Protein backbone atom coordinates (compact mmCIF):
# COMPACT_ATOMS: atom_id res chain seq x y z
CA MET A 1 217.28 25.72 155.60
CA ALA A 2 216.45 22.24 156.93
CA LYS A 3 219.08 20.24 158.76
CA SER A 4 220.37 17.22 156.94
CA ALA A 5 220.76 13.77 158.44
CA PRO A 6 224.18 12.98 159.89
CA GLU A 7 226.21 11.23 157.21
CA SER A 8 228.44 9.55 159.71
CA GLY A 9 228.52 9.16 163.44
CA SER A 10 226.97 7.05 166.07
CA GLU A 11 223.58 5.41 166.16
CA VAL A 12 222.68 7.81 169.00
CA ALA A 13 223.47 10.83 166.80
CA ARG A 14 221.26 9.45 164.03
CA GLY A 15 218.50 8.77 166.56
CA LYS A 16 218.80 12.31 167.90
CA TYR A 17 218.39 13.69 164.38
CA LEU A 18 215.31 11.53 163.79
CA VAL A 19 213.71 12.38 167.15
CA GLU A 20 214.50 16.09 167.27
CA ASP A 21 214.54 17.19 163.63
CA MET A 22 212.30 14.76 161.77
CA ALA A 23 209.65 13.25 164.08
CA MET A 24 209.66 16.28 166.42
CA CYS A 25 208.89 14.02 169.42
CA GLY A 26 209.64 16.79 171.91
CA GLU A 27 206.61 18.79 170.76
CA CYS A 28 204.30 16.35 172.55
CA HIS A 29 206.52 14.38 174.93
CA THR A 30 208.17 17.39 176.65
CA PRO A 31 206.46 19.76 179.09
CA ARG A 32 206.45 23.48 178.45
CA ASP A 33 207.69 26.24 180.69
CA GLY A 34 205.63 29.24 181.81
CA SER A 35 206.36 31.00 178.51
CA GLY A 36 205.19 28.06 176.40
CA ASN A 37 208.70 26.98 175.38
CA LEU A 38 209.81 23.36 175.57
CA ASP A 39 211.39 22.70 178.97
CA ARG A 40 214.70 21.11 177.94
CA SER A 41 215.38 20.20 181.57
CA GLN A 42 212.47 17.74 181.23
CA TRP A 43 213.24 16.64 177.68
CA LEU A 44 210.98 13.76 176.58
CA GLN A 45 209.72 13.13 180.12
CA GLY A 46 206.02 13.20 179.21
CA ALA A 47 203.57 16.07 179.08
CA PRO A 48 199.88 16.90 178.86
CA VAL A 49 198.53 16.60 175.32
CA ARG A 50 197.93 20.13 174.08
CA TRP A 51 195.41 19.33 171.35
CA ALA A 52 191.93 17.85 171.32
CA PRO A 53 189.65 16.63 168.53
CA ALA A 54 187.74 19.44 166.84
CA ASP A 55 184.46 17.60 167.32
CA GLY A 56 184.96 17.47 171.10
CA SER A 57 184.95 13.66 171.28
CA MET A 58 187.50 12.92 173.97
CA SER A 59 186.52 9.33 174.79
CA SER A 60 189.59 7.75 173.18
CA TRP A 61 191.88 10.77 173.13
CA PRO A 62 194.97 10.50 175.38
CA LEU A 63 195.42 13.23 177.96
CA ILE A 64 199.14 12.62 178.58
CA ALA A 65 201.97 11.95 176.13
CA PRO A 66 204.12 9.44 178.04
CA ARG A 67 207.76 9.69 179.06
CA ILE A 68 209.91 8.27 176.30
CA GLY A 69 213.34 9.64 177.23
CA GLY A 70 215.85 7.94 179.50
CA ASN A 71 213.93 4.77 180.21
CA PRO A 72 211.38 4.23 177.42
CA PRO A 73 208.05 2.70 178.49
CA ALA A 74 208.69 -0.68 176.84
CA SER A 75 211.54 -3.04 175.95
CA ASP A 76 213.85 -2.22 173.05
CA ALA A 77 212.14 -4.90 170.95
CA ASP A 78 208.68 -3.48 171.72
CA MET A 79 209.77 0.08 170.98
CA ILE A 80 211.29 -1.04 167.67
CA LYS A 81 208.07 -2.90 166.84
CA LEU A 82 206.07 0.25 167.59
CA LEU A 83 208.29 2.42 165.41
CA THR A 84 208.31 -0.03 162.49
CA THR A 85 204.68 -1.22 162.58
CA GLY A 86 202.73 1.29 164.65
CA ILE A 87 201.62 -1.53 166.98
CA TRP A 88 202.01 -1.25 170.75
CA THR A 89 202.62 -3.98 173.34
CA ASN A 90 198.88 -4.69 173.60
CA GLY A 91 198.72 -5.55 169.89
CA LYS A 92 196.81 -2.38 169.00
CA HIS A 93 197.75 0.72 167.04
CA LEU A 94 198.42 3.79 169.16
CA ARG A 95 195.71 6.43 169.30
CA PHE A 96 195.95 9.80 167.65
CA PRO A 97 197.52 12.27 168.01
CA MET A 98 200.50 9.85 167.99
CA MET A 99 201.68 9.56 164.43
CA PRO A 100 201.70 6.03 162.98
CA PHE A 101 205.40 5.82 162.15
CA ARG A 102 206.67 3.10 159.83
CA MET A 103 210.43 3.45 160.22
CA ASN A 104 212.89 0.95 158.90
CA GLU A 105 214.56 -1.21 161.54
CA ALA A 106 217.88 0.67 161.47
CA ASP A 107 216.16 4.01 162.08
CA ALA A 108 213.98 2.54 164.83
CA LYS A 109 217.07 1.11 166.57
CA ALA A 110 218.77 4.50 166.32
CA VAL A 111 215.73 6.22 167.85
CA VAL A 112 215.68 3.76 170.75
CA ALA A 113 219.43 4.24 171.30
CA TYR A 114 218.92 8.02 171.46
CA LEU A 115 215.86 7.79 173.74
CA LYS A 116 217.83 5.63 176.17
CA SER A 117 220.68 8.19 176.14
CA VAL A 118 218.45 11.07 177.26
CA THR A 119 219.14 12.17 180.84
CA PRO A 120 216.70 14.74 182.24
CA SER A 121 218.07 17.50 184.45
CA LYS A 122 217.43 17.19 188.16
């Protein structure tokens, strides 16, 4: 049975639901341990991209999914813009395999609040 969105609670809790249960950001942005499981001690701290294009064309394919947890790689406004429009700070759409999200502003703000709350283990 799928988890349902929090009906009440903080913006961070809503963001956590969106990041962990809907967008599944950890699948790409978290390294894996020796058994192939997500390393929760490095949650959302960036990781090698595990997939490649079937046709072998790697010229525009990213090799690393960046760190997004704790201190996201752009300002709050830029992260919200990315999550609502799919456009990065350079004015371009992100490359695949990043999904082109088109969140509403409230959801994007909640995601940013959650990302900023993430504290990796030392």
